[in-house]
Amino acid sequence: MTTFQRARSEAQREIRRRAILDAAAGMLAEMPVAQVSLNELSRRAGLAKSNVLRYFDSREAVLLELLNSAWQEWLLQLEQTLVAVDAGAPTAERGDQLAAALATSLASRPVLCDLLSAQAAVLERNVSPQVAAAFKRAAMANVAALSRLVLGCVGELGEHDSFRLAGAAVMVAGAVWPNAQPSAAMLAAYQADPELASMRLDFTATLREVLEVLMSGLLARSSR
């Protein structure tokens, strides 16, 4: 464990902040959001808990910042992924290709999905109004960036519906993710009773199907 002296310059303070964020990111690679504790985070960052709280309001504030970073990293990767959507395909087909690309891309980023699933119910509940506002501004910018990518693939949606689809895609991903991560008890129940096994959700397939339906509905409404 690294032991830091008190930060006396802006550069030193940024080093402390980065150490905390890196320690939290390392924990998320090993465990779900629910298991990330402030005590363990402090230990891994080499700081007393009180020192961690000098830089972040709470554990949740740390995780919200990581959520924003993970979201932006996903958008950069997604921009390259969506090049594969066939610009010459019919509207409905492009919509399905986009839905599949979004679902597959999100499935490849379990940490982002786990953070999204905890965002509203956990991460936004123990932060200051200033942290909350900063995160929401960043989230709005991220949704707007996703909306532009959506519009580039399915221009028929228009700006308003592209934004609606982008926001819904993120919220649905956060809702589907925990339902697609069954507990050991649920896995045992599924294995013991084939009738229950049909209730087990596949994250990628479920998210893709929901996004296809949303896309179809928005396109149908816009064409009226």
Protein backbone atom coordinates (compact mmCIF):
# COMPACT_ATOMS: atom_id res chain seq x y z
CA MET A 1 0.00 0.00 0.00
CA THR A 2 1.34 3.43 -0.97
CA THR A 3 1.40 6.06 1.78
CA PHE A 4 0.93 9.65 0.58
CA GLN A 5 1.92 12.80 2.35
CA ARG A 6 -0.50 15.70 2.45
CA ALA A 7 -1.00 17.22 -1.01
CA ARG A 8 0.21 20.81 -1.14
CA SER A 9 -0.16 21.66 -4.82
CA GLU A 10 -2.86 21.26 -7.46
CA ALA A 11 -0.68 18.67 -9.22
CA GLN A 12 -0.34 16.66 -6.02
CA ARG A 13 -4.07 16.86 -5.39
CA GLU A 14 -4.74 15.56 -8.89
CA ILE A 15 -2.39 12.65 -8.22
CA ARG A 16 -4.43 11.79 -5.11
CA ARG A 17 -7.71 12.02 -7.03
CA ARG A 18 -6.30 9.81 -9.79
CA ALA A 19 -5.06 7.27 -7.27
CA ILE A 20 -8.55 7.04 -5.75
CA LEU A 21 -10.21 6.67 -9.14
CA ASP A 22 -7.68 4.07 -10.27
CA ALA A 23 -8.17 2.08 -7.08
CA ALA A 24 -11.95 2.15 -7.55
CA ALA A 25 -11.61 1.11 -11.19
CA GLY A 26 -9.43 -1.81 -10.11
CA MET A 27 -12.06 -2.90 -7.61
CA LEU A 28 -14.82 -2.73 -10.23
CA ALA A 29 -12.78 -5.08 -12.41
CA GLU A 30 -12.91 -7.62 -9.57
CA MET A 31 -16.33 -7.14 -7.97
CA PRO A 32 -19.79 -5.65 -8.54
CA VAL A 33 -20.60 -2.08 -7.54
CA ALA A 34 -22.47 -3.26 -4.45
CA GLN A 35 -19.28 -4.74 -2.98
CA VAL A 36 -17.11 -1.64 -3.43
CA SER A 37 -16.66 -0.24 0.09
CA LEU A 38 -15.09 3.04 1.15
CA ASN A 39 -12.87 1.21 3.64
CA GLU A 40 -11.36 -1.07 0.99
CA LEU A 41 -11.11 1.78 -1.49
CA SER A 42 -9.17 3.83 1.04
CA ARG A 43 -6.84 0.93 1.75
CA ARG A 44 -6.11 0.33 -1.92
CA ALA A 45 -5.55 4.01 -2.61
CA GLY A 46 -3.13 4.23 0.32
CA LEU A 47 -5.15 6.94 2.04
CA ALA A 48 -7.13 7.25 5.24
CA LYS A 49 -10.88 7.28 4.69
CA SER A 50 -11.00 10.91 5.84
CA ASN A 51 -8.43 11.79 3.16
CA VAL A 52 -10.47 10.08 0.44
CA LEU A 53 -13.41 12.23 1.53
CA ARG A 54 -11.28 15.35 1.05
CA TYR A 55 -11.38 14.67 -2.68
CA PHE A 56 -14.81 13.08 -3.12
CA ASP A 57 -18.07 13.51 -1.23
CA SER A 58 -18.53 9.78 -0.84
CA ARG A 59 -17.98 6.37 -2.37
CA GLU A 60 -20.89 7.18 -4.67
CA ALA A 61 -19.23 10.36 -5.94
CA VAL A 62 -16.16 8.33 -6.91
CA LEU A 63 -18.31 5.82 -8.76
CA LEU A 64 -20.32 8.51 -10.57
CA GLU A 65 -17.09 9.94 -11.95
CA LEU A 66 -16.05 6.48 -13.09
CA LEU A 67 -19.47 6.01 -14.68
CA ASN A 68 -19.01 9.17 -16.70
CA SER A 69 -15.54 8.07 -17.81
CA ALA A 70 -16.76 4.59 -18.75
CA TRP A 71 -19.66 6.10 -20.69
CA GLN A 72 -17.33 8.36 -22.69
CA GLU A 73 -14.96 5.48 -23.43
CA TRP A 74 -17.91 3.44 -24.69
CA LEU A 75 -19.03 6.25 -26.99
CA LEU A 76 -15.57 6.43 -28.57
CA GLN A 77 -15.59 2.70 -29.24
CA LEU A 78 -19.19 2.75 -30.41
CA GLU A 79 -18.46 5.36 -33.06
CA GLN A 80 -16.06 2.91 -34.69
CA THR A 81 -18.47 -0.01 -34.29
CA LEU A 82 -21.36 1.75 -36.00
CA VAL A 83 -19.36 2.14 -39.20
CA ALA A 84 -20.52 -1.41 -39.92
CA VAL A 85 -24.20 -0.34 -40.13
CA ASP A 86 -25.13 -0.56 -43.81
CA ALA A 87 -25.99 2.98 -44.92
CA GLY A 88 -27.70 1.65 -48.04
CA ALA A 89 -30.02 -0.76 -46.24
CA PRO A 90 -33.75 -0.04 -45.79
CA THR A 91 -34.71 1.98 -42.72
CA ALA A 92 -36.04 -0.95 -40.70
CA GLU A 93 -32.98 -3.04 -41.42
CA ARG A 94 -30.64 -0.22 -40.40
CA GLY A 95 -32.65 0.18 -37.22
CA ASP A 96 -32.21 -3.50 -36.38
CA GLN A 97 -28.50 -3.31 -37.15
CA LEU A 98 -28.18 -0.32 -34.86
CA ALA A 99 -30.09 -2.06 -32.05
CA ALA A 100 -27.85 -5.12 -32.37
CA ALA A 101 -24.69 -3.01 -32.36
CA LEU A 102 -25.77 -1.07 -29.26
CA ALA A 103 -26.70 -4.24 -27.37
CA THR A 104 -23.52 -6.12 -28.30
CA SER A 105 -21.32 -3.13 -27.53
CA LEU A 106 -22.88 -2.61 -24.10
CA ALA A 107 -22.66 -6.32 -23.30
CA SER A 108 -18.90 -6.13 -23.83
CA ARG A 109 -18.68 -3.50 -21.08
CA PRO A 110 -19.98 -5.14 -17.89
CA VAL A 111 -18.54 -2.46 -15.59
CA LEU A 112 -20.41 0.27 -17.45
CA CYS A 113 -23.64 -1.75 -17.34
CA ASP A 114 -23.22 -2.45 -13.62
CA LEU A 115 -22.66 1.24 -12.91
CA LEU A 116 -25.69 2.19 -15.02
CA SER A 117 -27.82 -0.31 -13.12
CA ALA A 118 -26.80 1.32 -9.81
CA GLN A 119 -26.95 4.93 -10.97
CA ALA A 120 -30.42 6.12 -9.96
CA ALA A 121 -31.10 3.81 -7.02
CA VAL A 122 -27.68 3.96 -5.35
CA LEU A 123 -25.06 6.28 -6.81
CA GLU A 124 -27.19 9.42 -6.95
CA ARG A 125 -28.43 9.01 -3.35
CA ASN A 126 -25.36 9.98 -1.34
CA VAL A 127 -23.79 12.95 -3.11
CA SER A 128 -23.92 16.71 -2.76
CA PRO A 129 -26.15 18.85 -5.01
CA GLN A 130 -22.98 20.11 -6.72
CA VAL A 131 -21.79 16.59 -7.56
CA ALA A 132 -25.29 15.60 -8.63
CA ALA A 133 -25.60 18.59 -10.97
CA ALA A 134 -22.16 18.03 -12.48
CA PHE A 135 -22.96 14.40 -13.16
CA LYS A 136 -26.33 15.20 -14.72
CA ARG A 137 -24.74 17.77 -17.01
CA ALA A 138 -22.18 15.19 -18.09
CA ALA A 139 -24.91 12.57 -18.57
CA MET A 140 -26.91 14.93 -20.76
CA ALA A 141 -23.83 15.54 -22.91
CA ASN A 142 -23.23 11.79 -23.17
CA VAL A 143 -26.82 11.12 -24.22
CA ALA A 144 -26.56 13.92 -26.79
CA ALA A 145 -23.38 12.36 -28.19
CA LEU A 146 -25.09 8.96 -28.39
CA SER A 147 -28.06 10.63 -30.05
CA ARG A 148 -25.83 12.00 -32.78
CA LEU A 149 -24.44 8.52 -33.43
CA VAL A 150 -27.98 7.13 -33.62
CA LEU A 151 -29.05 9.88 -36.00
CA GLY A 152 -26.06 9.16 -38.22
CA CYS A 153 -27.28 5.58 -38.67
CA VAL A 154 -31.04 6.16 -38.86
CA GLY A 155 -31.56 9.75 -39.97
CA GLU A 156 -35.27 9.10 -40.44
CA LEU A 157 -35.71 9.31 -36.68
CA GLY A 158 -34.94 13.02 -36.57
CA GLU A 159 -33.09 14.78 -33.76
CA HIS A 160 -35.88 14.60 -31.18
CA ASP A 161 -36.54 10.87 -31.50
CA SER A 162 -32.84 10.07 -31.77
CA PHE A 163 -32.36 11.72 -28.39
CA ARG A 164 -35.32 9.81 -26.97
CA LEU A 165 -33.94 6.51 -28.23
CA ALA A 166 -30.45 7.28 -26.90
CA GLY A 167 -31.76 8.06 -23.43
CA ALA A 168 -34.00 5.00 -23.42
CA ALA A 169 -31.15 2.74 -24.55
CA VAL A 170 -29.05 3.70 -21.53
CA MET A 171 -31.94 3.38 -19.06
CA VAL A 172 -33.06 0.02 -20.47
CA ALA A 173 -29.50 -1.31 -20.35
CA GLY A 174 -29.31 -0.36 -16.67
CA ALA A 175 -32.65 -2.06 -16.00
CA VAL A 176 -31.94 -5.26 -17.93
CA TRP A 177 -28.42 -5.78 -16.57
CA PRO A 178 -29.26 -6.88 -12.98
CA ASN A 179 -32.07 -9.10 -14.25
CA ALA A 180 -29.60 -10.85 -16.52
CA GLN A 181 -27.16 -11.51 -13.64
CA PRO A 182 -29.02 -14.17 -11.61
CA SER A 183 -27.91 -15.15 -8.12
CA ALA A 184 -26.59 -18.61 -7.31
CA ALA A 185 -30.00 -19.50 -5.86
CA MET A 186 -31.78 -18.44 -9.05
CA LEU A 187 -29.32 -20.36 -11.21
CA ALA A 188 -29.98 -23.46 -9.13
CA ALA A 189 -33.73 -22.95 -9.48
CA TYR A 190 -33.44 -22.59 -13.24
CA GLN A 191 -31.38 -25.76 -13.45
CA ALA A 192 -33.77 -27.73 -11.27
CA ASP A 193 -36.95 -26.65 -13.06
CA PRO A 194 -36.88 -26.35 -16.87
CA GLU A 195 -40.12 -24.34 -16.80
CA LEU A 196 -38.41 -21.62 -14.77
CA ALA A 197 -35.39 -21.60 -17.06
CA SER A 198 -37.41 -19.68 -19.64
CA MET A 199 -37.40 -16.75 -17.20
CA ARG A 200 -33.63 -16.39 -17.42
CA LEU A 201 -32.73 -13.34 -19.49
CA ASP A 202 -29.86 -13.04 -21.90
CA PHE A 203 -28.66 -9.45 -21.65
CA THR A 204 -27.65 -8.94 -25.28
CA ALA A 205 -30.73 -10.57 -26.79
CA THR A 206 -33.15 -8.85 -24.42
CA LEU A 207 -31.65 -5.40 -24.87
CA ARG A 208 -31.52 -5.84 -28.64
CA GLU A 209 -35.19 -6.86 -28.80
CA VAL A 210 -36.32 -3.94 -26.62
CA LEU A 211 -34.34 -1.46 -28.71
CA GLU A 212 -35.75 -2.93 -31.93
CA VAL A 213 -39.28 -2.41 -30.63
CA LEU A 214 -38.51 1.14 -29.48
CA MET A 215 -36.91 1.94 -32.82
CA SER A 216 -39.86 0.52 -34.77
CA GLY A 217 -42.34 2.45 -32.65
CA LEU A 218 -40.53 5.76 -33.01
CA LEU A 219 -40.17 5.29 -36.77
CA ALA A 220 -43.85 4.39 -37.12
CA ARG A 221 -44.93 7.48 -35.15
CA SER A 222 -42.65 9.76 -37.16
CA SER A 223 -44.06 8.49 -40.45
CA ARG A 224 -47.66 9.30 -39.53
